[in-house]
């Protein structure tokens, strides 16, 4: 199995604020709990540290598999036997 490389996700302030707002809205709607900005930031930080690398790594693996399948198809489509 390939060595996992840590993924560091950097989010600009505007996007971070939108995500914090979405987390606050989600907690209010789903759990009827008001989430402070601080707590929403903590949930976001936890998600970025634990979930995002796993999802990213899976996406890379899926993409690698997809590209390899396309390359295998390409070889079959353009292969010309030698010596004919």
N, C-alpha and C. Protein backbone atom coordinates (compact mmCIF):
# COMPACT_ATOMS: atom_id res chain seq x y z
N UNK A 1 0.85 -1.18 0.00
CA UNK A 1 0.00 0.00 0.00
C UNK A 1 0.89 1.24 0.00
N UNK A 2 0.47 2.26 -0.73
CA UNK A 2 1.25 3.49 -0.85
C UNK A 2 1.26 4.25 0.48
N UNK A 3 2.36 4.93 0.71
CA UNK A 3 2.49 5.75 1.91
C UNK A 3 1.53 6.93 1.82
N UNK A 4 0.82 7.18 2.92
CA UNK A 4 -0.10 8.31 2.95
C UNK A 4 0.67 9.59 3.22
N UNK A 5 0.40 10.58 2.42
CA UNK A 5 1.00 11.90 2.59
C UNK A 5 -0.02 12.80 3.26
N UNK A 6 0.35 13.44 4.37
CA UNK A 6 -0.61 14.31 5.04
C UNK A 6 -1.10 15.42 4.12
N UNK A 7 -2.38 15.67 4.18
CA UNK A 7 -2.99 16.72 3.36
C UNK A 7 -3.27 17.92 4.26
N UNK A 8 -2.74 19.05 3.88
CA UNK A 8 -3.01 20.28 4.62
C UNK A 8 -3.96 21.12 3.78
N UNK A 9 -5.13 21.38 4.35
CA UNK A 9 -6.14 22.15 3.64
C UNK A 9 -6.13 23.57 4.18
N UNK A 10 -5.92 24.50 3.29
CA UNK A 10 -5.96 25.92 3.66
C UNK A 10 -7.23 26.51 3.07
N UNK A 11 -7.98 27.21 3.90
CA UNK A 11 -9.24 27.82 3.47
C UNK A 11 -9.15 29.31 3.70
N UNK A 12 -9.50 30.08 2.67
CA UNK A 12 -9.46 31.53 2.84
C UNK A 12 -10.55 31.97 3.82
N UNK A 13 -10.38 33.16 4.37
CA UNK A 13 -11.28 33.64 5.43
C UNK A 13 -12.73 33.70 4.99
N UNK A 14 -12.99 34.13 3.77
CA UNK A 14 -14.37 34.24 3.29
C UNK A 14 -15.03 32.86 3.23
N UNK A 15 -14.33 31.89 2.68
CA UNK A 15 -14.88 30.53 2.59
C UNK A 15 -15.06 29.94 3.98
N UNK A 16 -14.09 30.17 4.86
CA UNK A 16 -14.19 29.66 6.24
C UNK A 16 -15.43 30.21 6.92
N UNK A 17 -15.70 31.51 6.75
CA UNK A 17 -16.87 32.11 7.37
C UNK A 17 -18.17 31.51 6.82
N UNK A 18 -18.19 31.26 5.50
CA UNK A 18 -19.38 30.63 4.90
C UNK A 18 -19.59 29.23 5.48
N UNK A 19 -18.50 28.47 5.63
CA UNK A 19 -18.61 27.12 6.18
C UNK A 19 -19.05 27.14 7.64
N UNK A 20 -18.51 28.07 8.40
CA UNK A 20 -18.93 28.22 9.80
C UNK A 20 -20.42 28.52 9.85
N UNK A 21 -20.88 29.42 9.00
CA UNK A 21 -22.31 29.75 8.95
C UNK A 21 -23.16 28.55 8.57
N UNK A 22 -22.69 27.76 7.63
CA UNK A 22 -23.43 26.56 7.22
C UNK A 22 -23.47 25.53 8.35
N UNK A 23 -22.37 25.40 9.06
CA UNK A 23 -22.37 24.49 10.21
C UNK A 23 -23.35 24.96 11.28
N UNK A 24 -23.36 26.25 11.55
CA UNK A 24 -24.28 26.80 12.55
C UNK A 24 -25.73 26.56 12.12
N UNK A 25 -26.03 26.78 10.85
CA UNK A 25 -27.39 26.56 10.34
C UNK A 25 -27.75 25.08 10.42
N UNK A 26 -26.82 24.20 10.08
CA UNK A 26 -27.05 22.76 10.13
C UNK A 26 -27.37 22.31 11.55
N UNK A 27 -26.56 22.73 12.52
CA UNK A 27 -26.79 22.32 13.90
C UNK A 27 -28.13 22.85 14.41
N UNK A 28 -28.48 24.06 14.02
CA UNK A 28 -29.75 24.62 14.46
C UNK A 28 -30.92 23.86 13.86
N UNK A 29 -30.84 23.56 12.57
CA UNK A 29 -31.93 22.87 11.89
C UNK A 29 -32.03 21.40 12.30
N UNK A 30 -30.92 20.70 12.35
CA UNK A 30 -30.93 19.26 12.60
C UNK A 30 -31.01 18.90 14.08
N UNK A 31 -30.36 19.69 14.93
CA UNK A 31 -30.28 19.34 16.35
C UNK A 31 -30.93 20.36 17.27
N UNK A 32 -31.50 21.40 16.68
CA UNK A 32 -32.10 22.49 17.46
C UNK A 32 -31.11 23.02 18.48
N UNK A 33 -29.86 23.17 18.06
CA UNK A 33 -28.79 23.64 18.93
C UNK A 33 -28.07 24.80 18.27
N UNK A 34 -27.98 25.89 19.00
CA UNK A 34 -27.23 27.03 18.48
C UNK A 34 -25.75 26.79 18.73
N UNK A 35 -24.99 26.91 17.67
CA UNK A 35 -23.56 26.66 17.74
C UNK A 35 -22.84 28.00 17.67
N UNK A 36 -22.01 28.27 18.66
CA UNK A 36 -21.25 29.53 18.63
C UNK A 36 -20.24 29.47 17.49
N UNK A 37 -19.76 30.62 17.11
CA UNK A 37 -18.73 30.67 16.06
C UNK A 37 -17.51 29.86 16.47
N UNK A 38 -17.14 29.96 17.74
CA UNK A 38 -15.98 29.22 18.24
C UNK A 38 -16.19 27.71 18.07
N UNK A 39 -17.35 27.21 18.49
CA UNK A 39 -17.62 25.78 18.39
C UNK A 39 -17.71 25.34 16.93
N UNK A 40 -18.31 26.17 16.10
CA UNK A 40 -18.40 25.83 14.67
C UNK A 40 -17.00 25.77 14.06
N UNK A 41 -16.12 26.68 14.46
CA UNK A 41 -14.73 26.65 13.99
C UNK A 41 -14.04 25.36 14.43
N UNK A 42 -14.33 24.91 15.65
CA UNK A 42 -13.74 23.67 16.15
C UNK A 42 -14.24 22.46 15.36
N UNK A 43 -15.52 22.42 15.06
CA UNK A 43 -16.08 21.33 14.25
C UNK A 43 -15.44 21.35 12.86
N UNK A 44 -15.30 22.53 12.29
CA UNK A 44 -14.69 22.66 10.97
C UNK A 44 -13.23 22.20 11.01
N UNK A 45 -12.48 22.61 12.02
CA UNK A 45 -11.08 22.22 12.15
C UNK A 45 -10.97 20.70 12.30
N UNK A 46 -11.84 20.11 13.09
CA UNK A 46 -11.84 18.65 13.26
C UNK A 46 -12.13 17.96 11.93
N UNK A 47 -13.12 18.45 11.22
CA UNK A 47 -13.48 17.86 9.93
C UNK A 47 -12.34 17.96 8.94
N UNK A 48 -11.71 19.11 8.88
CA UNK A 48 -10.59 19.30 7.96
C UNK A 48 -9.41 18.38 8.32
N UNK A 49 -9.19 18.18 9.59
CA UNK A 49 -8.04 17.38 10.02
C UNK A 49 -8.29 15.88 9.88
N UNK A 50 -9.53 15.45 10.04
CA UNK A 50 -9.79 14.00 10.07
C UNK A 50 -10.51 13.47 8.85
N UNK A 51 -11.50 14.18 8.36
CA UNK A 51 -12.31 13.67 7.26
C UNK A 51 -11.74 14.02 5.89
N UNK A 52 -11.32 15.24 5.72
CA UNK A 52 -10.89 15.71 4.40
C UNK A 52 -9.71 14.90 3.86
N UNK A 53 -8.68 14.59 4.65
CA UNK A 53 -7.59 13.79 4.08
C UNK A 53 -8.05 12.42 3.57
N UNK A 54 -8.97 11.79 4.29
CA UNK A 54 -9.49 10.49 3.86
C UNK A 54 -10.25 10.61 2.55
N UNK A 55 -11.08 11.64 2.45
CA UNK A 55 -11.85 11.86 1.22
C UNK A 55 -10.91 12.22 0.07
N UNK A 56 -9.95 13.05 0.33
CA UNK A 56 -8.97 13.45 -0.70
C UNK A 56 -8.21 12.24 -1.22
N UNK A 57 -7.72 11.42 -0.30
CA UNK A 57 -6.97 10.23 -0.70
C UNK A 57 -7.82 9.28 -1.53
N UNK A 58 -9.08 9.12 -1.15
CA UNK A 58 -9.97 8.25 -1.93
C UNK A 58 -10.20 8.83 -3.32
N UNK A 59 -10.36 10.14 -3.40
CA UNK A 59 -10.55 10.79 -4.71
C UNK A 59 -9.33 10.59 -5.60
N UNK A 60 -8.14 10.68 -5.02
CA UNK A 60 -6.91 10.47 -5.79
C UNK A 60 -6.86 9.02 -6.29
N UNK A 61 -7.19 8.07 -5.43
CA UNK A 61 -7.20 6.66 -5.85
C UNK A 61 -8.23 6.42 -6.95
N UNK A 62 -9.41 6.98 -6.80
CA UNK A 62 -10.46 6.83 -7.81
C UNK A 62 -10.03 7.42 -9.14
N UNK A 63 -9.40 8.59 -9.08
CA UNK A 63 -8.93 9.24 -10.30
C UNK A 63 -7.83 8.43 -10.96
N UNK A 64 -6.91 7.91 -10.17
CA UNK A 64 -5.82 7.09 -10.71
C UNK A 64 -6.41 5.86 -11.42
N UNK A 65 -7.36 5.20 -10.80
CA UNK A 65 -7.99 4.02 -11.40
C UNK A 65 -8.70 4.39 -12.70
N UNK A 66 -9.45 5.48 -12.68
CA UNK A 66 -10.16 5.94 -13.87
C UNK A 66 -9.19 6.22 -15.01
N UNK A 67 -8.11 6.96 -14.71
CA UNK A 67 -7.14 7.30 -15.75
C UNK A 67 -6.44 6.06 -16.29
N UNK A 68 -6.12 5.12 -15.40
CA UNK A 68 -5.47 3.89 -15.86
C UNK A 68 -6.39 3.10 -16.79
N UNK A 69 -7.68 3.05 -16.46
CA UNK A 69 -8.64 2.36 -17.34
C UNK A 69 -8.72 3.04 -18.70
N UNK A 70 -8.69 4.38 -18.72
CA UNK A 70 -8.73 5.11 -19.99
C UNK A 70 -7.47 4.84 -20.80
N UNK A 71 -6.31 4.81 -20.13
CA UNK A 71 -5.06 4.53 -20.82
C UNK A 71 -5.05 3.11 -21.37
N UNK A 72 -5.58 2.16 -20.61
CA UNK A 72 -5.67 0.78 -21.10
C UNK A 72 -6.56 0.71 -22.34
N UNK A 73 -7.68 1.44 -22.33
CA UNK A 73 -8.56 1.48 -23.49
C UNK A 73 -7.85 2.10 -24.69
N UNK A 74 -7.10 3.17 -24.45
CA UNK A 74 -6.39 3.86 -25.51
C UNK A 74 -5.38 2.93 -26.18
N UNK A 75 -4.66 2.18 -25.37
CA UNK A 75 -3.67 1.25 -25.92
C UNK A 75 -4.35 0.23 -26.83
N UNK A 76 -5.49 -0.28 -26.43
CA UNK A 76 -6.22 -1.24 -27.26
C UNK A 76 -6.76 -0.62 -28.53
N UNK A 77 -7.13 0.64 -28.48
CA UNK A 77 -7.70 1.32 -29.63
C UNK A 77 -6.65 1.68 -30.68
N UNK A 78 -5.43 1.99 -30.25
CA UNK A 78 -4.44 2.48 -31.22
C UNK A 78 -3.30 1.51 -31.47
N UNK A 79 -3.31 0.37 -30.81
CA UNK A 79 -2.22 -0.59 -30.95
C UNK A 79 -2.19 -1.13 -32.38
N UNK A 80 -1.04 -1.08 -32.95
CA UNK A 80 -0.84 -1.61 -34.31
C UNK A 80 0.23 -2.68 -34.21
N UNK A 81 -0.11 -3.93 -34.52
CA UNK A 81 0.89 -5.00 -34.42
C UNK A 81 2.08 -4.72 -35.35
N UNK A 82 3.27 -5.03 -34.89
CA UNK A 82 4.48 -4.83 -35.68
C UNK A 82 4.67 -5.97 -36.67
N UNK A 83 5.32 -5.68 -37.77
CA UNK A 83 5.71 -6.70 -38.73
C UNK A 83 4.63 -7.16 -39.67
N UNK A 84 3.59 -6.41 -39.80
CA UNK A 84 2.55 -6.81 -40.77
C UNK A 84 2.74 -6.15 -42.08
